[in-house]
Amino acid sequence: MSRLRLLVEAETRLWRRVEQELRQAGLPRLAWLEALSVITGRDDVRLNDVAVELAITPGGATKLVDAVERGGMVTRHPHPTDRRVTILAATASGRGALARGRTVVDDCVDALWPQHDLVAPLRQLTENLRAAEAGAMPPAEETAAR
C-alpha cells in the first residue's frame, strides 16, 4: 500500500509543480496540453479518442475539449463520411502552446526526476494496467498468489 501512496503523492505534487511552471510561462493548464497532445498526435481525432487516451470519461473529455475550444486552441469539423462524428483539430495557437508547454513540462520533470531511470518501470506499469482493463491479465490477487 505504501508504494501506491508514494506514487499517488508524487504524481499529485509533480502535477501541481508543472501547473505552477506553466502558469508562470503564461501557458494553458496541463490538462489542456494533454488534450492538445492527443489531438495533434494523429488524424481524425474524435472526442472519444481523447477520453480513451487520457483515461477520462466521455463527459470529462467533452468538458475539457469545450474549454480548449473556447480558448481558441481547438476547432471541430464534421467527419467527411459520418455525420454523427466530429473531428478535432488543433489551431496554430494550440500547436504553439503545445510546443512551448512540452518544453516547460520536460524542463520541470528533468529538474525533479531521480537520476536513475524510472520511465521503463512506469511504462511497464501503464501497459500492465491497460492489459488488465482489457481483460488480458488476471486480477492482482491471482497474480500475487502465483
N, C-alpha and C. Protein backbone atom coordinates (compact mmCIF):
# COMPACT_ATOMS: atom_id res chain seq x y z
N MET A 1 0.82 -1.20 0.00
CA MET A 1 0.00 0.00 0.00
C MET A 1 0.87 1.26 0.00
N SER A 2 2.00 1.23 0.68
CA SER A 2 2.83 2.43 0.77
C SER A 2 3.39 2.84 -0.59
N ARG A 3 3.68 1.86 -1.48
CA ARG A 3 4.17 2.22 -2.82
C ARG A 3 3.11 2.96 -3.61
N LEU A 4 1.86 2.50 -3.49
CA LEU A 4 0.78 3.18 -4.18
C LEU A 4 0.62 4.60 -3.66
N ARG A 5 0.67 4.75 -2.35
CA ARG A 5 0.54 6.08 -1.73
C ARG A 5 1.65 7.01 -2.21
N LEU A 6 2.88 6.50 -2.27
CA LEU A 6 4.01 7.30 -2.75
C LEU A 6 3.83 7.69 -4.21
N LEU A 7 3.36 6.76 -5.01
CA LEU A 7 3.14 7.03 -6.42
C LEU A 7 2.09 8.12 -6.61
N VAL A 8 0.99 8.01 -5.89
CA VAL A 8 -0.09 9.00 -5.99
C VAL A 8 0.39 10.36 -5.49
N GLU A 9 1.08 10.38 -4.37
CA GLU A 9 1.57 11.65 -3.84
C GLU A 9 2.57 12.30 -4.79
N ALA A 10 3.48 11.50 -5.35
CA ALA A 10 4.46 12.05 -6.30
C ALA A 10 3.75 12.64 -7.51
N GLU A 11 2.77 11.92 -8.04
CA GLU A 11 2.04 12.41 -9.21
C GLU A 11 1.31 13.71 -8.90
N THR A 12 0.67 13.78 -7.75
CA THR A 12 -0.08 14.97 -7.37
C THR A 12 0.85 16.17 -7.20
N ARG A 13 1.95 15.96 -6.51
CA ARG A 13 2.90 17.07 -6.29
C ARG A 13 3.57 17.50 -7.59
N LEU A 14 3.91 16.53 -8.45
CA LEU A 14 4.51 16.87 -9.73
C LEU A 14 3.52 17.64 -10.60
N TRP A 15 2.27 17.21 -10.62
CA TRP A 15 1.24 17.90 -11.41
C TRP A 15 1.13 19.36 -10.95
N ARG A 16 1.07 19.57 -9.63
CA ARG A 16 0.97 20.94 -9.09
C ARG A 16 2.17 21.78 -9.50
N ARG A 17 3.36 21.20 -9.42
CA ARG A 17 4.57 21.94 -9.78
C ARG A 17 4.58 22.31 -11.26
N VAL A 18 4.19 21.36 -12.10
CA VAL A 18 4.13 21.62 -13.53
C VAL A 18 3.10 22.71 -13.82
N GLU A 19 1.94 22.64 -13.16
CA GLU A 19 0.92 23.69 -13.33
C GLU A 19 1.47 25.07 -12.98
N GLN A 20 2.22 25.14 -11.91
CA GLN A 20 2.82 26.41 -11.47
C GLN A 20 3.79 26.93 -12.55
N GLU A 21 4.62 26.05 -13.07
CA GLU A 21 5.59 26.45 -14.11
C GLU A 21 4.87 26.90 -15.38
N LEU A 22 3.81 26.20 -15.76
CA LEU A 22 3.05 26.58 -16.95
C LEU A 22 2.40 27.95 -16.75
N ARG A 23 1.83 28.16 -15.56
CA ARG A 23 1.20 29.45 -15.26
C ARG A 23 2.22 30.59 -15.36
N GLN A 24 3.39 30.37 -14.80
CA GLN A 24 4.44 31.40 -14.83
C GLN A 24 4.91 31.69 -16.26
N ALA A 25 4.80 30.68 -17.13
CA ALA A 25 5.20 30.86 -18.52
C ALA A 25 4.05 31.41 -19.38
N GLY A 26 2.90 31.65 -18.75
CA GLY A 26 1.76 32.17 -19.49
C GLY A 26 1.11 31.15 -20.42
N LEU A 27 1.23 29.88 -20.05
CA LEU A 27 0.69 28.81 -20.89
C LEU A 27 -0.57 28.22 -20.27
N PRO A 28 -1.35 27.48 -21.07
CA PRO A 28 -2.56 26.86 -20.53
C PRO A 28 -2.25 25.73 -19.56
N ARG A 29 -3.28 25.30 -18.90
CA ARG A 29 -3.16 24.22 -17.90
C ARG A 29 -2.68 22.92 -18.55
N LEU A 30 -2.13 22.06 -17.72
CA LEU A 30 -1.60 20.79 -18.18
C LEU A 30 -2.68 19.93 -18.83
N ALA A 31 -3.87 19.92 -18.30
CA ALA A 31 -4.95 19.14 -18.90
C ALA A 31 -5.21 19.57 -20.34
N TRP A 32 -5.15 20.88 -20.59
CA TRP A 32 -5.33 21.38 -21.96
C TRP A 32 -4.22 20.84 -22.85
N LEU A 33 -2.99 20.90 -22.35
CA LEU A 33 -1.86 20.42 -23.14
C LEU A 33 -1.96 18.92 -23.40
N GLU A 34 -2.46 18.18 -22.41
CA GLU A 34 -2.65 16.74 -22.60
C GLU A 34 -3.67 16.50 -23.72
N ALA A 35 -4.77 17.23 -23.70
CA ALA A 35 -5.78 17.09 -24.76
C ALA A 35 -5.19 17.48 -26.12
N LEU A 36 -4.44 18.58 -26.16
CA LEU A 36 -3.81 19.00 -27.41
C LEU A 36 -2.82 17.96 -27.92
N SER A 37 -2.14 17.31 -27.02
CA SER A 37 -1.19 16.28 -27.41
C SER A 37 -1.89 15.11 -28.11
N VAL A 38 -3.03 14.72 -27.59
CA VAL A 38 -3.81 13.65 -28.23
C VAL A 38 -4.32 14.12 -29.59
N ILE A 39 -4.83 15.33 -29.63
CA ILE A 39 -5.45 15.85 -30.86
C ILE A 39 -4.42 16.05 -31.96
N THR A 40 -3.22 16.47 -31.62
CA THR A 40 -2.20 16.70 -32.65
C THR A 40 -1.42 15.43 -32.98
N GLY A 41 -1.63 14.38 -32.20
CA GLY A 41 -0.85 13.16 -32.37
C GLY A 41 -1.28 12.26 -33.52
N ARG A 42 -2.46 12.48 -34.08
CA ARG A 42 -2.93 11.64 -35.17
C ARG A 42 -4.06 12.35 -35.92
N ASP A 43 -4.48 11.75 -37.01
CA ASP A 43 -5.55 12.32 -37.84
C ASP A 43 -6.92 11.84 -37.36
N ASP A 44 -7.92 12.59 -37.70
CA ASP A 44 -9.32 12.22 -37.44
C ASP A 44 -9.59 11.87 -35.98
N VAL A 45 -9.15 12.73 -35.08
CA VAL A 45 -9.34 12.51 -33.65
C VAL A 45 -10.76 12.91 -33.26
N ARG A 46 -11.43 12.01 -32.54
CA ARG A 46 -12.78 12.25 -32.04
C ARG A 46 -12.73 12.48 -30.54
N LEU A 47 -13.82 12.98 -29.97
CA LEU A 47 -13.89 13.18 -28.52
C LEU A 47 -13.62 11.88 -27.76
N ASN A 48 -14.16 10.79 -28.26
CA ASN A 48 -13.94 9.50 -27.60
C ASN A 48 -12.46 9.12 -27.58
N ASP A 49 -11.73 9.48 -28.63
CA ASP A 49 -10.29 9.20 -28.65
C ASP A 49 -9.57 9.94 -27.52
N VAL A 50 -9.98 11.16 -27.27
CA VAL A 50 -9.40 11.95 -26.17
C VAL A 50 -9.72 11.27 -24.85
N ALA A 51 -10.96 10.84 -24.68
CA ALA A 51 -11.36 10.18 -23.43
C ALA A 51 -10.55 8.91 -23.20
N VAL A 52 -10.43 8.08 -24.21
CA VAL A 52 -9.71 6.82 -24.07
C VAL A 52 -8.23 7.08 -23.80
N GLU A 53 -7.63 7.94 -24.57
CA GLU A 53 -6.19 8.20 -24.44
C GLU A 53 -5.83 8.80 -23.08
N LEU A 54 -6.69 9.67 -22.56
CA LEU A 54 -6.41 10.31 -21.28
C LEU A 54 -7.02 9.56 -20.10
N ALA A 55 -7.70 8.45 -20.37
CA ALA A 55 -8.33 7.63 -19.34
C ALA A 55 -9.30 8.45 -18.49
N ILE A 56 -10.16 9.23 -19.19
CA ILE A 56 -11.20 10.01 -18.53
C ILE A 56 -12.54 9.63 -19.14
N THR A 57 -13.62 10.08 -18.53
CA THR A 57 -14.94 9.76 -19.04
C THR A 57 -15.23 10.55 -20.31
N PRO A 58 -16.15 10.07 -21.14
CA PRO A 58 -16.54 10.85 -22.32
C PRO A 58 -17.06 12.24 -21.94
N GLY A 59 -17.81 12.33 -20.84
CA GLY A 59 -18.29 13.64 -20.39
C GLY A 59 -17.14 14.55 -19.99
N GLY A 60 -16.14 13.98 -19.32
CA GLY A 60 -14.96 14.75 -18.94
C GLY A 60 -14.20 15.23 -20.16
N ALA A 61 -14.11 14.37 -21.18
CA ALA A 61 -13.43 14.76 -22.41
C ALA A 61 -14.18 15.89 -23.11
N THR A 62 -15.51 15.81 -23.09
CA THR A 62 -16.31 16.87 -23.71
C THR A 62 -16.08 18.20 -23.02
N LYS A 63 -16.11 18.20 -21.69
CA LYS A 63 -15.88 19.45 -20.94
C LYS A 63 -14.48 19.99 -21.19
N LEU A 64 -13.50 19.10 -21.22
CA LEU A 64 -12.13 19.53 -21.45
C LEU A 64 -11.97 20.13 -22.84
N VAL A 65 -12.45 19.45 -23.86
CA VAL A 65 -12.31 19.94 -25.23
C VAL A 65 -13.13 21.21 -25.42
N ASP A 66 -14.29 21.31 -24.79
CA ASP A 66 -15.08 22.55 -24.86
C ASP A 66 -14.25 23.72 -24.35
N ALA A 67 -13.56 23.54 -23.24
CA ALA A 67 -12.75 24.62 -22.66
C ALA A 67 -11.59 24.97 -23.58
N VAL A 68 -10.92 23.95 -24.12
CA VAL A 68 -9.78 24.20 -25.01
C VAL A 68 -10.27 24.91 -26.29
N GLU A 69 -11.45 24.54 -26.76
CA GLU A 69 -12.03 25.19 -27.93
C GLU A 69 -12.36 26.66 -27.63
N ARG A 70 -12.96 26.91 -26.46
CA ARG A 70 -13.24 28.30 -26.07
C ARG A 70 -11.96 29.12 -25.98
N GLY A 71 -10.86 28.46 -25.63
CA GLY A 71 -9.55 29.11 -25.56
C GLY A 71 -8.92 29.34 -26.92
N GLY A 72 -9.60 28.92 -27.98
CA GLY A 72 -9.12 29.15 -29.34
C GLY A 72 -8.01 28.20 -29.78
N MET A 73 -7.88 27.06 -29.10
CA MET A 73 -6.77 26.16 -29.42
C MET A 73 -7.20 24.89 -30.15
N VAL A 74 -8.52 24.71 -30.29
CA VAL A 74 -9.06 23.53 -30.99
C VAL A 74 -10.26 23.97 -31.80
N THR A 75 -10.42 23.33 -32.95
CA THR A 75 -11.63 23.52 -33.76
C THR A 75 -12.27 22.15 -33.98
N ARG A 76 -13.55 22.17 -34.30
CA ARG A 76 -14.29 20.94 -34.59
C ARG A 76 -14.76 21.01 -36.04
N HIS A 77 -14.68 19.87 -36.70
CA HIS A 77 -15.11 19.78 -38.09
C HIS A 77 -15.97 18.53 -38.26
N PRO A 78 -16.96 18.57 -39.13
CA PRO A 78 -17.75 17.36 -39.36
C PRO A 78 -16.88 16.27 -40.02
N HIS A 79 -17.13 15.04 -39.64
CA HIS A 79 -16.45 13.91 -40.26
C HIS A 79 -16.88 13.84 -41.72
N PRO A 80 -15.98 13.55 -42.64
CA PRO A 80 -16.34 13.56 -44.06
C PRO A 80 -17.37 12.51 -44.46
N THR A 81 -17.46 11.38 -43.71
CA THR A 81 -18.38 10.33 -44.13
C THR A 81 -19.41 9.95 -43.07
N ASP A 82 -19.25 10.44 -41.85
CA ASP A 82 -20.17 10.07 -40.77
C ASP A 82 -20.67 11.34 -40.09
N ARG A 83 -21.92 11.69 -40.36
CA ARG A 83 -22.48 12.93 -39.84
C ARG A 83 -22.55 12.96 -38.32
N ARG A 84 -22.54 11.80 -37.67
CA ARG A 84 -22.64 11.74 -36.21
C ARG A 84 -21.34 12.10 -35.51
N VAL A 85 -20.24 12.11 -36.25
CA VAL A 85 -18.92 12.26 -35.66
C VAL A 85 -18.34 13.63 -35.97
N THR A 86 -17.71 14.22 -34.95
CA THR A 86 -16.99 15.47 -35.11
C THR A 86 -15.50 15.19 -34.97
N ILE A 87 -14.73 15.78 -35.86
CA ILE A 87 -13.28 15.63 -35.84
C ILE A 87 -12.67 16.86 -35.19
N LEU A 88 -11.67 16.63 -34.34
CA LEU A 88 -10.99 17.71 -33.64
C LEU A 88 -9.67 18.03 -34.32
N ALA A 89 -9.33 19.31 -34.35
CA ALA A 89 -8.04 19.73 -34.90
C ALA A 89 -7.50 20.87 -34.06
N ALA A 90 -6.21 20.84 -33.82
CA ALA A 90 -5.57 21.93 -33.08
C ALA A 90 -5.38 23.12 -34.01
N THR A 91 -5.57 24.29 -33.47
CA THR A 91 -5.32 25.52 -34.21
C THR A 91 -3.81 25.82 -34.15
N ALA A 92 -3.38 26.83 -34.90
CA ALA A 92 -1.98 27.25 -34.82
C ALA A 92 -1.63 27.67 -33.40
N SER A 93 -2.56 28.35 -32.74
CA SER A 93 -2.35 28.76 -31.35
C SER A 93 -2.20 27.55 -30.45
N GLY A 94 -3.01 26.53 -30.66
CA GLY A 94 -2.94 25.31 -29.87
C GLY A 94 -1.64 24.56 -30.09
N ARG A 95 -1.22 24.47 -31.36
CA ARG A 95 0.04 23.78 -31.65
C ARG A 95 1.23 24.54 -31.05
N GLY A 96 1.17 25.86 -31.08
CA GLY A 96 2.25 26.65 -30.49
C GLY A 96 2.30 26.50 -28.97
N ALA A 97 1.13 26.53 -28.33
CA ALA A 97 1.07 26.34 -26.87
C ALA A 97 1.58 24.96 -26.49
N LEU A 98 1.23 23.95 -27.29
CA LEU A 98 1.68 22.60 -27.00
C LEU A 98 3.20 22.50 -27.11
N ALA A 99 3.76 23.08 -28.14
CA ALA A 99 5.23 23.02 -28.31
C ALA A 99 5.94 23.71 -27.16
N ARG A 100 5.48 24.91 -26.79
CA ARG A 100 6.10 25.63 -25.66
C ARG A 100 5.85 24.89 -24.35
N GLY A 101 4.64 24.36 -24.20
CA GLY A 101 4.29 23.65 -22.98
C GLY A 101 5.11 22.38 -22.79
N ARG A 102 5.37 21.66 -23.88
CA ARG A 102 6.20 20.45 -23.78
C ARG A 102 7.58 20.79 -23.23
N THR A 103 8.13 21.90 -23.67
CA THR A 103 9.45 22.31 -23.19
C THR A 103 9.41 22.62 -21.70
N VAL A 104 8.40 23.36 -21.27
CA VAL A 104 8.27 23.71 -19.85
C VAL A 104 8.08 22.45 -19.01
N VAL A 105 7.21 21.56 -19.46
CA VAL A 105 6.95 20.32 -18.72
C VAL A 105 8.21 19.46 -18.65
N ASP A 106 8.87 19.29 -19.78
CA ASP A 106 10.09 18.47 -19.80
C ASP A 106 11.17 19.05 -18.91
N ASP A 107 11.35 20.36 -18.94
CA ASP A 107 12.36 21.00 -18.08
C ASP A 107 12.03 20.80 -16.61
N CYS A 108 10.76 20.94 -16.27
CA CYS A 108 10.32 20.77 -14.88
C CYS A 108 10.54 19.33 -14.41
N VAL A 109 10.13 18.38 -15.21
CA VAL A 109 10.29 16.97 -14.84
C VAL A 109 11.77 16.62 -14.76
N ASP A 110 12.57 17.08 -15.72
CA ASP A 110 14.01 16.80 -15.70
C ASP A 110 14.67 17.33 -14.43
N ALA A 111 14.22 18.49 -13.97
CA ALA A 111 14.81 19.08 -12.76
C ALA A 111 14.44 18.30 -11.50
N LEU A 112 13.33 17.60 -11.51
CA LEU A 112 12.83 16.92 -10.31
C LEU A 112 12.99 15.40 -10.34
N TRP A 113 13.20 14.83 -11.51
CA TRP A 113 13.22 13.37 -11.66
C TRP A 113 14.49 12.79 -11.06
N PRO A 114 14.40 11.64 -10.41
CA PRO A 114 15.58 10.99 -9.87
C PRO A 114 16.59 10.65 -10.98
N GLN A 115 17.84 10.50 -10.60
CA GLN A 115 18.89 10.23 -11.57
C GLN A 115 18.74 8.87 -12.26
N HIS A 116 18.23 7.87 -11.57
CA HIS A 116 18.08 6.57 -12.22
C HIS A 116 16.79 6.53 -13.03
N ASP A 117 16.73 5.58 -13.95
CA ASP A 117 15.63 5.52 -14.91
C ASP A 117 14.37 4.91 -14.29
N LEU A 118 13.32 5.71 -14.20
CA LEU A 118 12.02 5.20 -13.76
C LEU A 118 11.02 5.15 -14.91
N VAL A 119 11.42 5.63 -16.08
CA VAL A 119 10.49 5.66 -17.21
C VAL A 119 10.09 4.25 -17.62
N ALA A 120 11.05 3.34 -17.73
CA ALA A 120 10.73 1.97 -18.16
C ALA A 120 9.76 1.29 -17.19
N PRO A 121 10.01 1.32 -15.86
CA PRO A 121 9.05 0.69 -14.96
C PRO A 121 7.66 1.35 -15.00
N LEU A 122 7.61 2.67 -15.13
CA LEU A 122 6.31 3.34 -15.21
C LEU A 122 5.59 2.96 -16.50
N ARG A 123 6.33 2.85 -17.59
CA ARG A 123 5.73 2.44 -18.86
C ARG A 123 5.18 1.01 -18.73
N GLN A 124 5.94 0.13 -18.08
CA GLN A 124 5.50 -1.25 -17.89
C GLN A 124 4.24 -1.31 -17.02
N LEU A 125 4.22 -0.52 -15.95
CA LEU A 125 3.04 -0.46 -15.08
C LEU A 125 1.83 -0.02 -15.88
N THR A 126 1.98 1.00 -16.70
CA THR A 126 0.88 1.50 -17.52
C THR A 126 0.39 0.44 -18.50
N GLU A 127 1.33 -0.26 -19.14
CA GLU A 127 0.95 -1.33 -20.08
C GLU A 127 0.22 -2.45 -19.35
N ASN A 128 0.69 -2.81 -18.16
CA ASN A 128 0.02 -3.85 -17.37
C ASN A 128 -1.40 -3.43 -17.01
N LEU A 129 -1.57 -2.18 -16.62
CA LEU A 129 -2.90 -1.68 -16.26
C LEU A 129 -3.84 -1.67 -17.47
N ARG A 130 -3.32 -1.27 -18.61
CA ARG A 130 -4.15 -1.28 -19.83
C ARG A 130 -4.57 -2.71 -20.17
N ALA A 131 -3.63 -3.64 -20.05
CA ALA A 131 -3.95 -5.05 -20.34
C ALA A 131 -5.00 -5.57 -19.36
N ALA A 132 -4.87 -5.20 -18.09
CA ALA A 132 -5.84 -5.63 -17.08
C ALA A 132 -7.22 -5.07 -17.37
N GLU A 133 -7.26 -3.81 -17.78
CA GLU A 133 -8.55 -3.20 -18.12
C GLU A 133 -9.20 -3.90 -19.30
N ALA A 134 -8.38 -4.39 -20.21
CA ALA A 134 -8.89 -5.08 -21.40
C ALA A 134 -9.20 -6.54 -21.12
N GLY A 135 -8.95 -6.98 -19.88
CA GLY A 135 -9.22 -8.36 -19.50
C GLY A 135 -8.15 -9.34 -19.92
N ALA A 136 -6.98 -8.83 -20.29
CA ALA A 136 -5.90 -9.69 -20.76
C ALA A 136 -5.00 -10.18 -19.64
N MET A 137 -5.22 -9.70 -18.42
CA MET A 137 -4.40 -10.13 -17.29
C MET A 137 -5.32 -10.58 -16.17
N PRO A 138 -4.87 -11.53 -15.36
CA PRO A 138 -5.69 -11.94 -14.21
C PRO A 138 -5.72 -10.84 -13.17
N PRO A 139 -6.73 -10.86 -12.27
CA PRO A 139 -6.78 -9.87 -11.20
C PRO A 139 -5.51 -9.93 -10.36
N ALA A 140 -5.19 -8.83 -9.70
CA ALA A 140 -3.94 -8.70 -8.93
C ALA A 140 -3.80 -9.79 -7.87
N GLU A 141 -4.90 -10.18 -7.22
CA GLU A 141 -4.78 -11.21 -6.16
C GLU A 141 -4.38 -12.56 -6.75
N GLU A 142 -4.83 -12.87 -7.99
CA GLU A 142 -4.41 -14.12 -8.63
C GLU A 142 -2.94 -14.07 -9.01
N THR A 143 -2.48 -12.91 -9.51
CA THR A 143 -1.09 -12.75 -9.88
C THR A 143 -0.19 -12.87 -8.65
N ALA A 144 -0.59 -12.27 -7.54
CA ALA A 144 0.21 -12.30 -6.31
C ALA A 144 0.29 -13.71 -5.73
N ALA A 145 -0.74 -14.53 -5.95
CA ALA A 145 -0.77 -15.87 -5.39
C ALA A 145 0.17 -16.83 -6.13
N ARG A 146 0.58 -16.47 -7.33
CA ARG A 146 1.43 -17.35 -8.14
C ARG A 146 2.85 -17.38 -7.65
